Every structure is written in structure tokens, then in C-alpha cells.
Amino acid sequence: MPQNCADPVLVAAQITVALNTIVSRSVAPDHTNVVNVGMIWAGGAPDVIPDTARIGVSMRTVADEDWEVLGSRATDIVEETCAAYGATATFEWADGYPVIVNDDDVAQIGYDAAV
């Protein structure tokens, strides 16, 4: 009875599309931000609506002030999309790593050795 459930595959698809608007609409284009859905996992049969779906998302930025925007927008998108489809979401956040800033002199040595 598909009319009596929230289809997590459809919800995950809508969330995936919406998450891809964060970088183009919520942060400055010169801040080199990335929001990438690299995994969607749901169900095991093509003719059965699964109970859950899991989305794996990677977010990166070089601008510290953008972390809050990325996280807030992602949370809003997931929660509001789920609400629109009668679904719920659970978040598992993993802390990211800081941006690597290479020493210019050491980087030049490596570059010179490679050329």
C-alpha cells in the first residue's frame, strides 16, 4: 500500500537535488565550497518500498565562516523535505578536518623536484 507510507527513496532523491543548491545559492562563489552527495543506500529489492534510506554527504570549505551556513542549510533542507513528504530524519555529523595550508618554501622544493 504505497499510498500509506513515505517513500524514503523519493525523499532521498529530493534531498539530493536540494543539497546541490547550497553552494550555488547560499555562500559566496569565490569561497570554494563543496556539498557532495556521494552515497544513497536504501532497500534491497526493486519492487519493495524500503523502510529507510541513508544519504552520505561530504561538505568542504576553505572559509571558516561558511561552515555554519553549510550545516544550517543542509539541516533545513533535510528536515523540511522530510516534513513535506511525511518522513523524519536522523543526523550523524562527523567533524571535518581543517584546511591544509602548505608552507610556500617547502611546496616550492617539491615542485622544483618534480619538474
N, C-alpha and C. Protein backbone atom coordinates (compact mmCIF):
# COMPACT_ATOMS: atom_id res chain seq x y z
N MET A 1 0.84 -1.19 0.00
CA MET A 1 0.00 0.00 0.00
C MET A 1 0.89 1.26 0.00
N PRO A 2 1.43 1.62 -1.15
CA PRO A 2 2.35 2.77 -1.21
C PRO A 2 1.70 4.09 -0.82
N GLN A 3 0.40 4.18 -0.90
CA GLN A 3 -0.29 5.41 -0.53
C GLN A 3 -0.28 5.65 0.97
N ASN A 4 0.11 4.65 1.75
CA ASN A 4 0.10 4.77 3.20
C ASN A 4 1.48 4.94 3.81
N CYS A 5 2.48 5.32 3.00
CA CYS A 5 3.83 5.46 3.56
C CYS A 5 4.57 6.62 2.91
N ALA A 6 5.64 7.01 3.56
CA ALA A 6 6.57 7.96 2.96
C ALA A 6 7.65 7.14 2.29
N ASP A 7 7.86 7.34 1.02
CA ASP A 7 8.86 6.58 0.27
C ASP A 7 10.23 7.22 0.49
N PRO A 8 11.11 6.57 1.25
CA PRO A 8 12.41 7.18 1.56
C PRO A 8 13.31 7.35 0.33
N VAL A 9 13.08 6.58 -0.71
CA VAL A 9 13.88 6.73 -1.92
C VAL A 9 13.55 8.06 -2.61
N LEU A 10 12.27 8.36 -2.71
CA LEU A 10 11.86 9.63 -3.31
C LEU A 10 12.31 10.81 -2.45
N VAL A 11 12.20 10.68 -1.14
CA VAL A 11 12.64 11.74 -0.24
C VAL A 11 14.14 11.95 -0.39
N ALA A 12 14.91 10.86 -0.43
CA ALA A 12 16.37 10.97 -0.58
C ALA A 12 16.73 11.64 -1.91
N ALA A 13 15.99 11.33 -2.95
CA ALA A 13 16.26 11.94 -4.26
C ALA A 13 16.00 13.45 -4.22
N GLN A 14 14.91 13.86 -3.60
CA GLN A 14 14.60 15.29 -3.48
C GLN A 14 15.64 16.01 -2.63
N ILE A 15 16.06 15.38 -1.55
CA ILE A 15 17.09 15.98 -0.70
C ILE A 15 18.39 16.13 -1.47
N THR A 16 18.76 15.13 -2.25
CA THR A 16 19.99 15.17 -3.04
C THR A 16 19.99 16.36 -3.99
N VAL A 17 18.90 16.55 -4.69
CA VAL A 17 18.80 17.68 -5.62
C VAL A 17 18.89 19.00 -4.87
N ALA A 18 18.17 19.11 -3.76
CA ALA A 18 18.15 20.36 -3.00
C ALA A 18 19.50 20.68 -2.37
N LEU A 19 20.22 19.67 -1.87
CA LEU A 19 21.53 19.92 -1.27
C LEU A 19 22.50 20.53 -2.28
N ASN A 20 22.32 20.19 -3.53
CA ASN A 20 23.21 20.73 -4.56
C ASN A 20 22.98 22.21 -4.84
N THR A 21 21.97 22.82 -4.24
CA THR A 21 21.76 24.26 -4.42
C THR A 21 22.47 25.08 -3.35
N ILE A 22 22.97 24.45 -2.30
CA ILE A 22 23.59 25.21 -1.21
C ILE A 22 24.77 26.03 -1.72
N VAL A 23 25.67 25.40 -2.44
CA VAL A 23 26.88 26.09 -2.89
C VAL A 23 26.54 27.20 -3.89
N SER A 24 25.57 26.96 -4.75
CA SER A 24 25.26 27.96 -5.78
C SER A 24 24.36 29.08 -5.30
N ARG A 25 23.71 28.92 -4.13
CA ARG A 25 22.74 29.93 -3.70
C ARG A 25 22.91 30.45 -2.28
N SER A 26 23.77 29.82 -1.46
CA SER A 26 23.83 30.21 -0.05
C SER A 26 25.18 30.73 0.42
N VAL A 27 26.22 30.57 -0.37
CA VAL A 27 27.55 31.04 0.02
C VAL A 27 28.23 31.72 -1.17
N ALA A 28 29.23 32.53 -0.87
CA ALA A 28 29.93 33.27 -1.92
C ALA A 28 30.61 32.31 -2.90
N PRO A 29 30.52 32.61 -4.19
CA PRO A 29 31.08 31.70 -5.20
C PRO A 29 32.60 31.60 -5.15
N ASP A 30 33.28 32.57 -4.56
CA ASP A 30 34.74 32.53 -4.52
C ASP A 30 35.29 31.85 -3.27
N HIS A 31 34.42 31.21 -2.47
CA HIS A 31 34.86 30.56 -1.24
C HIS A 31 35.19 29.09 -1.41
N THR A 32 35.10 28.56 -2.60
CA THR A 32 35.48 27.18 -2.91
C THR A 32 34.81 26.18 -1.97
N ASN A 33 33.50 26.19 -1.90
CA ASN A 33 32.72 25.26 -1.09
C ASN A 33 32.31 24.05 -1.92
N VAL A 34 32.13 22.92 -1.24
CA VAL A 34 31.66 21.70 -1.89
C VAL A 34 30.63 21.04 -0.99
N VAL A 35 29.48 20.70 -1.54
CA VAL A 35 28.50 19.84 -0.88
C VAL A 35 28.23 18.72 -1.87
N ASN A 36 28.61 17.51 -1.50
CA ASN A 36 28.52 16.39 -2.43
C ASN A 36 27.79 15.20 -1.79
N VAL A 37 26.75 14.74 -2.46
CA VAL A 37 26.09 13.50 -2.05
C VAL A 37 26.82 12.38 -2.77
N GLY A 38 27.57 11.59 -2.01
CA GLY A 38 28.38 10.53 -2.60
C GLY A 38 27.79 9.14 -2.39
N MET A 39 26.70 9.06 -1.60
CA MET A 39 26.11 7.75 -1.34
C MET A 39 24.63 7.89 -1.01
N ILE A 40 23.83 7.04 -1.61
CA ILE A 40 22.43 6.86 -1.22
C ILE A 40 22.23 5.35 -1.09
N TRP A 41 21.78 4.92 0.06
CA TRP A 41 21.57 3.50 0.30
C TRP A 41 20.15 3.29 0.80
N ALA A 42 19.41 2.40 0.15
CA ALA A 42 18.04 2.10 0.57
C ALA A 42 17.60 0.76 -0.01
N GLY A 43 16.97 -0.03 0.82
CA GLY A 43 16.32 -1.25 0.37
C GLY A 43 17.21 -2.29 -0.26
N GLY A 44 16.54 -3.35 -0.73
CA GLY A 44 17.27 -4.44 -1.33
C GLY A 44 16.53 -5.10 -2.46
N ALA A 45 15.34 -4.59 -2.79
CA ALA A 45 14.55 -5.17 -3.87
C ALA A 45 13.92 -4.05 -4.68
N PRO A 46 13.86 -4.19 -6.00
CA PRO A 46 13.33 -3.12 -6.82
C PRO A 46 11.82 -2.93 -6.74
N ASP A 47 11.12 -3.90 -6.18
CA ASP A 47 9.66 -3.81 -6.12
C ASP A 47 9.11 -3.63 -4.70
N VAL A 48 9.97 -3.21 -3.77
CA VAL A 48 9.55 -3.02 -2.38
C VAL A 48 9.98 -1.63 -1.91
N ILE A 49 9.06 -0.87 -1.34
CA ILE A 49 9.42 0.42 -0.77
C ILE A 49 10.16 0.15 0.55
N PRO A 50 11.41 0.60 0.67
CA PRO A 50 12.16 0.31 1.89
C PRO A 50 11.67 1.15 3.07
N ASP A 51 12.06 0.72 4.27
CA ASP A 51 11.69 1.47 5.47
C ASP A 51 12.52 2.73 5.64
N THR A 52 13.77 2.67 5.21
CA THR A 52 14.68 3.80 5.42
C THR A 52 15.57 4.01 4.21
N ALA A 53 16.19 5.17 4.19
CA ALA A 53 17.24 5.49 3.22
C ALA A 53 18.34 6.21 3.97
N ARG A 54 19.55 6.02 3.51
CA ARG A 54 20.70 6.68 4.13
C ARG A 54 21.42 7.47 3.04
N ILE A 55 21.74 8.71 3.35
CA ILE A 55 22.44 9.58 2.41
C ILE A 55 23.79 9.95 3.02
N GLY A 56 24.86 9.76 2.26
CA GLY A 56 26.20 10.16 2.70
C GLY A 56 26.59 11.45 2.00
N VAL A 57 26.88 12.47 2.79
CA VAL A 57 27.16 13.80 2.24
C VAL A 57 28.53 14.26 2.74
N SER A 58 29.31 14.81 1.84
CA SER A 58 30.60 15.41 2.18
C SER A 58 30.49 16.91 1.97
N MET A 59 30.94 17.68 2.96
CA MET A 59 30.96 19.14 2.83
C MET A 59 32.37 19.63 3.11
N ARG A 60 32.84 20.54 2.25
CA ARG A 60 34.17 21.12 2.43
C ARG A 60 34.12 22.61 2.14
N THR A 61 34.97 23.35 2.85
CA THR A 61 35.07 24.78 2.61
C THR A 61 36.45 25.27 3.01
N VAL A 62 36.90 26.36 2.43
CA VAL A 62 38.13 26.99 2.86
C VAL A 62 37.85 28.22 3.70
N ALA A 63 36.58 28.61 3.80
CA ALA A 63 36.19 29.78 4.58
C ALA A 63 35.49 29.33 5.86
N ASP A 64 36.13 29.55 6.99
CA ASP A 64 35.58 29.11 8.27
C ASP A 64 34.15 29.60 8.50
N GLU A 65 33.85 30.81 8.07
CA GLU A 65 32.50 31.36 8.30
C GLU A 65 31.42 30.62 7.53
N ASP A 66 31.79 29.83 6.53
CA ASP A 66 30.80 29.10 5.74
C ASP A 66 30.36 27.79 6.38
N TRP A 67 31.11 27.27 7.35
CA TRP A 67 30.73 26.01 7.98
C TRP A 67 29.33 26.07 8.56
N GLU A 68 29.03 27.15 9.27
CA GLU A 68 27.71 27.28 9.88
C GLU A 68 26.62 27.35 8.81
N VAL A 69 26.88 28.06 7.73
CA VAL A 69 25.89 28.16 6.65
C VAL A 69 25.66 26.80 6.00
N LEU A 70 26.73 26.08 5.70
CA LEU A 70 26.59 24.77 5.07
C LEU A 70 25.79 23.82 5.96
N GLY A 71 26.15 23.74 7.23
CA GLY A 71 25.46 22.85 8.14
C GLY A 71 24.01 23.24 8.37
N SER A 72 23.77 24.52 8.54
CA SER A 72 22.41 25.01 8.78
C SER A 72 21.51 24.78 7.58
N ARG A 73 22.01 25.10 6.39
CA ARG A 73 21.22 24.91 5.18
C ARG A 73 20.95 23.42 4.92
N ALA A 74 21.96 22.58 5.14
CA ALA A 74 21.78 21.15 4.94
C ALA A 74 20.72 20.61 5.91
N THR A 75 20.79 21.03 7.16
CA THR A 75 19.81 20.61 8.16
C THR A 75 18.41 21.05 7.77
N ASP A 76 18.27 22.31 7.38
CA ASP A 76 16.96 22.83 6.97
C ASP A 76 16.40 22.05 5.78
N ILE A 77 17.25 21.82 4.78
CA ILE A 77 16.80 21.10 3.58
C ILE A 77 16.31 19.71 3.94
N VAL A 78 17.10 18.99 4.73
CA VAL A 78 16.73 17.62 5.08
C VAL A 78 15.43 17.61 5.90
N GLU A 79 15.37 18.42 6.95
CA GLU A 79 14.19 18.41 7.82
C GLU A 79 12.93 18.87 7.09
N GLU A 80 13.04 19.92 6.30
CA GLU A 80 11.86 20.45 5.61
C GLU A 80 11.41 19.55 4.47
N THR A 81 12.33 18.93 3.77
CA THR A 81 11.95 17.99 2.71
C THR A 81 11.28 16.77 3.32
N CYS A 82 11.85 16.25 4.40
CA CYS A 82 11.21 15.12 5.08
C CYS A 82 9.81 15.48 5.54
N ALA A 83 9.65 16.64 6.14
CA ALA A 83 8.33 17.07 6.62
C ALA A 83 7.33 17.16 5.48
N ALA A 84 7.78 17.65 4.33
CA ALA A 84 6.89 17.78 3.18
C ALA A 84 6.38 16.43 2.69
N TYR A 85 7.17 15.38 2.89
CA TYR A 85 6.81 14.03 2.43
C TYR A 85 6.31 13.13 3.55
N GLY A 86 6.18 13.68 4.76
CA GLY A 86 5.72 12.87 5.88
C GLY A 86 6.76 11.91 6.41
N ALA A 87 8.03 12.25 6.25
CA ALA A 87 9.13 11.41 6.72
C ALA A 87 9.86 12.12 7.86
N THR A 88 10.80 11.44 8.47
CA THR A 88 11.64 12.04 9.51
C THR A 88 13.10 11.75 9.18
N ALA A 89 13.99 12.50 9.84
CA ALA A 89 15.42 12.33 9.58
C ALA A 89 16.18 12.25 10.90
N THR A 90 17.28 11.53 10.85
CA THR A 90 18.23 11.47 11.96
C THR A 90 19.59 11.84 11.38
N PHE A 91 20.30 12.73 12.08
CA PHE A 91 21.60 13.18 11.59
C PHE A 91 22.73 12.51 12.37
N GLU A 92 23.78 12.16 11.67
CA GLU A 92 25.03 11.69 12.27
C GLU A 92 26.13 12.57 11.70
N TRP A 93 26.51 13.61 12.45
CA TRP A 93 27.54 14.54 11.97
C TRP A 93 28.92 14.04 12.37
N ALA A 94 29.85 14.13 11.48
CA ALA A 94 31.25 13.83 11.77
C ALA A 94 32.04 15.11 11.55
N ASP A 95 32.87 15.45 12.51
CA ASP A 95 33.68 16.67 12.37
C ASP A 95 34.64 16.52 11.20
N GLY A 96 34.78 17.62 10.48
CA GLY A 96 35.70 17.63 9.35
C GLY A 96 37.11 17.97 9.78
N TYR A 97 37.96 18.09 8.83
CA TYR A 97 39.35 18.43 9.07
C TYR A 97 39.59 19.87 8.65
N PRO A 98 40.50 20.57 9.31
CA PRO A 98 40.79 21.94 8.90
C PRO A 98 41.47 21.97 7.53
N VAL A 99 41.42 23.11 6.90
CA VAL A 99 42.07 23.29 5.60
C VAL A 99 43.58 23.17 5.79
N ILE A 100 44.21 22.49 4.86
CA ILE A 100 45.67 22.36 4.90
C ILE A 100 46.28 23.56 4.20
N VAL A 101 47.21 24.20 4.88
CA VAL A 101 47.93 25.32 4.29
C VAL A 101 49.39 24.91 4.21
N ASN A 102 49.86 24.72 3.00
CA ASN A 102 51.23 24.28 2.79
C ASN A 102 52.22 25.44 2.95
N ASP A 103 53.36 25.14 3.49
CA ASP A 103 54.44 26.11 3.59
C ASP A 103 54.93 26.40 2.17
N ASP A 104 54.98 27.66 1.79
CA ASP A 104 55.36 28.04 0.42
C ASP A 104 56.75 27.54 0.03
N ASP A 105 57.71 27.65 0.95
CA ASP A 105 59.08 27.24 0.62
C ASP A 105 59.17 25.72 0.41
N VAL A 106 58.51 24.97 1.28
CA VAL A 106 58.54 23.51 1.15
C VAL A 106 57.79 23.07 -0.11
N ALA A 107 56.68 23.72 -0.40
CA ALA A 107 55.94 23.40 -1.61
C ALA A 107 56.78 23.68 -2.85
N GLN A 108 57.55 24.75 -2.84
CA GLN A 108 58.40 25.09 -3.98
C GLN A 108 59.49 24.03 -4.18
N ILE A 109 60.05 23.53 -3.07
CA ILE A 109 61.06 22.47 -3.18
C ILE A 109 60.47 21.25 -3.85
N GLY A 110 59.27 20.86 -3.44
CA GLY A 110 58.59 19.71 -4.05
C GLY A 110 58.30 19.96 -5.51
N TYR A 111 57.84 21.16 -5.83
CA TYR A 111 57.54 21.50 -7.22
C TYR A 111 58.81 21.45 -8.07
N ASP A 112 59.89 22.05 -7.56
CA ASP A 112 61.15 22.07 -8.31
C ASP A 112 61.67 20.66 -8.55
N ALA A 113 61.50 19.77 -7.58
CA ALA A 113 61.98 18.41 -7.71
C ALA A 113 61.17 17.64 -8.77
N ALA A 114 59.90 18.02 -8.93
CA ALA A 114 59.04 17.32 -9.87
C ALA A 114 59.23 17.77 -11.31
N VAL A 115 59.75 18.96 -11.52
CA VAL A 115 59.89 19.48 -12.88
C VAL A 115 61.22 19.26 -13.48
